[in-house]
Amino acid sequence: MNRVIHPIEVESYRRMRARLDTSHLAPLTRAVVERVVHSAADLDYASDLVMDEDVLVKAHAALHAGAPVVVDVEMVGAGITRRETVCRLKDAVAGPGLTRSAHGIRLAHEQVGPGALWVIGNAPTALEELLTLDAAPALVIGLPVGFVGAVESKAALRESGLPAVSNVSEKGGSAVASAALNALLYHPVPHSEETS
């Protein structure tokens, strides 16, 4: 997919790379780190993010093969610029022991089934709920933000063994979560992926 890159973005990346050396990173890891750092203007994400290149390669293939993309909130979906997303938050209701965000994830799972890419940038309870489901995800981008539950939910994601992108700190949010997915969307598809 050809994307026209604005000169401001080109210059922004040039300045970022002058301050942050990502040349040692594997291609998709580098793409995710750079896009997240760029989206937040926060160089600390380079050492805060946790991901595996082999996982990203498989997720990239699934994404470009048409796997559904599920988001926890509309703001994450709004940041994903070249793909339709599923967000069921508006249909969700809170109940005993269940937040609206968690219920939205449950509804989305019922809709999309296994193999989706899940992008969670807002609610730790959404990520916690996803971990209770048999979602068999292609990838979970778990970057919820906050001082209550965010660190713990991301640690639980890493411990789950699911294919994931996460970070260690309280930082996160809609912009960085959508940036991580966009990095995979914008990264070129190798010829072998196109023909398989």
Protein backbone atom coordinates (compact mmCIF):
# COMPACT_ATOMS: atom_id res chain seq x y z
CA MET A 1 0.00 0.00 0.00
CA ASN A 2 1.53 3.27 -1.12
CA ARG A 3 1.29 6.01 1.45
CA VAL A 4 2.18 9.61 0.72
CA ILE A 5 4.40 10.83 3.53
CA HIS A 6 4.15 14.53 4.34
CA PRO A 7 7.45 16.47 4.50
CA ILE A 8 6.77 17.34 8.16
CA GLU A 9 6.64 13.63 9.02
CA VAL A 10 9.86 13.03 7.10
CA GLU A 11 11.61 15.80 9.02
CA SER A 12 10.14 14.63 12.32
CA TYR A 13 11.52 11.12 11.78
CA ARG A 14 14.88 12.57 10.78
CA ARG A 15 15.09 14.54 14.03
CA MET A 16 13.93 11.56 16.09
CA ARG A 17 16.56 9.29 14.50
CA ALA A 18 19.23 11.90 15.21
CA ARG A 19 18.41 11.46 18.91
CA LEU A 20 17.54 7.75 18.98
CA ASP A 21 19.54 5.02 17.26
CA THR A 22 17.19 2.23 16.21
CA SER A 23 19.42 0.84 13.47
CA HIS A 24 20.24 -2.28 15.52
CA LEU A 25 16.57 -3.33 15.78
CA ALA A 26 14.92 -5.92 13.53
CA PRO A 27 12.71 -4.35 10.83
CA LEU A 28 9.22 -4.67 12.34
CA THR A 29 10.44 -4.02 15.88
CA ARG A 30 12.15 -0.89 14.59
CA ALA A 31 8.97 0.19 12.78
CA VAL A 32 6.86 -0.21 15.93
CA VAL A 33 9.37 1.48 18.23
CA GLU A 34 9.86 4.42 15.89
CA ARG A 35 6.15 4.98 15.24
CA VAL A 36 5.28 4.78 18.95
CA VAL A 37 8.15 7.12 19.91
CA HIS A 38 7.12 9.48 17.11
CA SER A 39 3.44 9.47 18.12
CA ALA A 40 4.23 10.44 21.71
CA ALA A 41 7.45 12.43 21.15
CA ASP A 42 8.76 10.27 24.00
CA LEU A 43 12.14 8.64 23.48
CA ASP A 44 11.72 6.57 26.65
CA TYR A 45 9.35 4.23 24.82
CA ALA A 46 12.42 2.77 23.08
CA SER A 47 13.42 1.06 26.34
CA ASP A 48 9.87 0.63 27.71
CA LEU A 49 8.30 -1.40 24.89
CA VAL A 50 8.36 -5.21 24.93
CA MET A 51 7.90 -7.24 21.73
CA ASP A 52 9.35 -10.09 19.67
CA GLU A 53 10.22 -9.82 15.98
CA ASP A 54 8.95 -13.32 15.12
CA VAL A 55 5.58 -12.47 16.68
CA LEU A 56 5.45 -9.23 14.70
CA VAL A 57 6.23 -11.04 11.44
CA LYS A 58 3.29 -13.40 11.96
CA ALA A 59 0.99 -10.56 13.04
CA HIS A 60 2.04 -8.48 10.02
CA ALA A 61 1.13 -11.38 7.72
CA ALA A 62 -2.24 -11.87 9.45
CA LEU A 63 -3.03 -8.16 9.28
CA HIS A 64 -2.24 -7.94 5.57
CA ALA A 65 -4.21 -11.13 4.94
CA GLY A 66 -7.30 -9.37 6.30
CA ALA A 67 -7.51 -10.42 9.95
CA PRO A 68 -9.99 -8.25 11.87
CA VAL A 69 -8.70 -5.41 14.03
CA VAL A 70 -10.50 -4.88 17.35
CA VAL A 71 -10.04 -1.74 19.46
CA ASP A 72 -11.12 -1.01 23.00
CA VAL A 73 -12.27 2.57 22.33
CA GLU A 74 -13.25 4.61 19.27
CA MET A 75 -10.25 6.91 19.77
CA VAL A 76 -7.88 4.00 19.09
CA GLY A 77 -9.90 3.17 15.97
CA ALA A 78 -9.77 6.79 14.84
CA GLY A 79 -5.97 6.63 14.93
CA ILE A 80 -5.82 3.54 12.70
CA THR A 81 -5.94 5.30 9.39
CA ARG A 82 -6.04 2.59 6.77
CA ARG A 83 -8.18 -0.16 8.21
CA GLU A 84 -11.72 -0.65 9.45
CA THR A 85 -11.86 -1.60 13.11
CA VAL A 86 -14.36 -3.26 15.43
CA CYS A 87 -15.27 -1.43 18.63
CA ARG A 88 -18.24 -2.59 20.69
CA LEU A 89 -17.91 -0.15 23.60
CA LYS A 90 -21.05 1.76 22.61
CA ASP A 91 -23.07 -1.47 22.86
CA ALA A 92 -21.61 -2.45 26.23
CA VAL A 93 -23.04 -2.04 29.70
CA ALA A 94 -21.36 -2.24 33.07
CA GLY A 95 -22.49 -4.93 35.44
CA PRO A 96 -21.43 -6.48 38.74
CA GLY A 97 -17.68 -7.06 38.45
CA LEU A 98 -17.67 -6.03 34.77
CA THR A 99 -16.77 -2.60 33.41
CA ARG A 100 -18.22 -1.28 30.14
CA SER A 101 -14.77 -1.64 28.60
CA ALA A 102 -14.55 -5.29 29.61
CA HIS A 103 -18.07 -5.98 28.33
CA GLY A 104 -17.17 -4.29 25.02
CA ILE A 105 -14.24 -6.68 24.63
CA ARG A 106 -16.50 -9.64 25.36
CA LEU A 107 -18.99 -8.47 22.71
CA ALA A 108 -16.20 -7.92 20.17
CA HIS A 109 -14.86 -11.42 20.81
CA GLU A 110 -18.31 -12.88 20.16
CA GLN A 111 -18.37 -10.94 16.87
CA VAL A 112 -14.88 -11.62 15.46
CA GLY A 113 -13.85 -14.96 16.95
CA PRO A 114 -10.23 -16.17 16.83
CA GLY A 115 -7.32 -14.73 14.87
CA ALA A 116 -7.95 -11.00 15.30
CA LEU A 117 -5.48 -8.28 16.17
CA TRP A 118 -6.55 -6.59 19.42
CA VAL A 119 -5.46 -2.99 20.07
CA ILE A 120 -6.04 -1.81 23.64
CA GLY A 121 -4.86 1.66 24.53
CA ASN A 122 -7.28 2.91 27.11
CA ALA A 123 -8.72 0.52 29.67
CA PRO A 124 -6.71 -1.97 31.71
CA THR A 125 -10.00 -3.80 32.39
CA ALA A 126 -10.41 -4.36 28.65
CA LEU A 127 -7.01 -6.06 28.52
CA GLU A 128 -7.79 -8.07 31.66
CA GLU A 129 -11.05 -9.28 30.10
CA LEU A 130 -9.34 -10.26 26.85
CA LEU A 131 -6.96 -12.45 28.85
CA THR A 132 -9.92 -14.42 30.22
CA LEU A 133 -11.28 -15.22 26.75
CA ASP A 134 -10.22 -17.94 24.33
CA ALA A 135 -9.46 -15.30 21.70
CA ALA A 136 -6.49 -17.03 19.99
CA PRO A 137 -5.29 -13.61 18.82
CA ALA A 138 -2.88 -12.93 15.97
CA LEU A 139 -1.56 -10.13 18.19
CA VAL A 140 -2.51 -8.16 21.27
CA ILE A 141 -1.23 -4.60 21.35
CA GLY A 142 -1.71 -4.00 25.05
CA LEU A 143 -0.79 -0.40 25.84
CA PRO A 144 -3.46 0.82 28.27
CA VAL A 145 -2.55 3.92 30.22
CA GLY A 146 -3.05 4.72 33.88
CA PHE A 147 -2.00 4.47 37.47
CA VAL A 148 -4.57 1.81 38.41
CA GLY A 149 -4.23 -1.58 36.78
CA ALA A 150 -2.25 -0.60 33.67
CA VAL A 151 1.13 -1.97 34.76
CA GLU A 152 -0.47 -5.10 36.19
CA SER A 153 -2.61 -5.83 33.12
CA LYS A 154 0.39 -5.45 30.81
CA ALA A 155 2.48 -7.73 33.02
CA ALA A 156 -0.34 -10.30 32.90
CA LEU A 157 -0.37 -10.02 29.11
CA ARG A 158 3.36 -10.76 28.92
CA GLU A 159 2.98 -13.67 31.34
CA SER A 160 0.09 -15.12 29.32
CA GLY A 161 2.34 -16.16 26.44
CA LEU A 162 0.00 -14.57 23.90
CA PRO A 163 1.63 -12.81 20.93
CA ALA A 164 1.91 -9.25 22.15
CA VAL A 165 3.29 -5.75 22.10
CA SER A 166 3.26 -4.13 25.52
CA ASN A 167 5.26 -1.80 27.70
CA VAL A 168 6.45 -1.95 31.29
CA SER A 169 5.43 1.47 32.64
CA GLU A 170 2.10 3.20 33.33
CA LYS A 171 2.43 5.02 30.01
CA GLY A 172 0.29 4.15 27.04
CA GLY A 173 -2.88 5.47 25.50
CA SER A 174 -4.89 5.59 22.32
CA ALA A 175 -2.27 7.39 20.24
CA VAL A 176 0.56 4.96 20.98
CA ALA A 177 -1.65 1.87 20.65
CA SER A 178 -2.89 2.95 17.22
CA ALA A 179 0.66 3.93 16.26
CA ALA A 180 1.89 0.40 17.00
CA LEU A 181 -0.80 -1.06 14.73
CA ASN A 182 -0.13 1.54 12.04
CA ALA A 183 3.54 0.56 12.05
CA LEU A 184 2.48 -2.91 10.94
CA LEU A 185 -0.02 -1.55 8.44
CA TYR A 186 2.48 0.80 6.81
CA HIS A 187 5.40 -1.62 6.75
CA PRO A 188 5.89 -3.10 3.27
CA VAL A 189 4.58 -6.59 2.62
CA PRO A 190 7.38 -8.95 1.54
CA HIS A 191 6.77 -10.59 -1.82
CA SER A 192 6.47 -14.04 -0.21
CA GLU A 193 3.59 -12.78 2.01
CA GLU A 194 1.77 -11.38 -1.02
CA THR A 195 1.86 -14.69 -2.85
CA SER A 196 1.17 -17.04 0.04
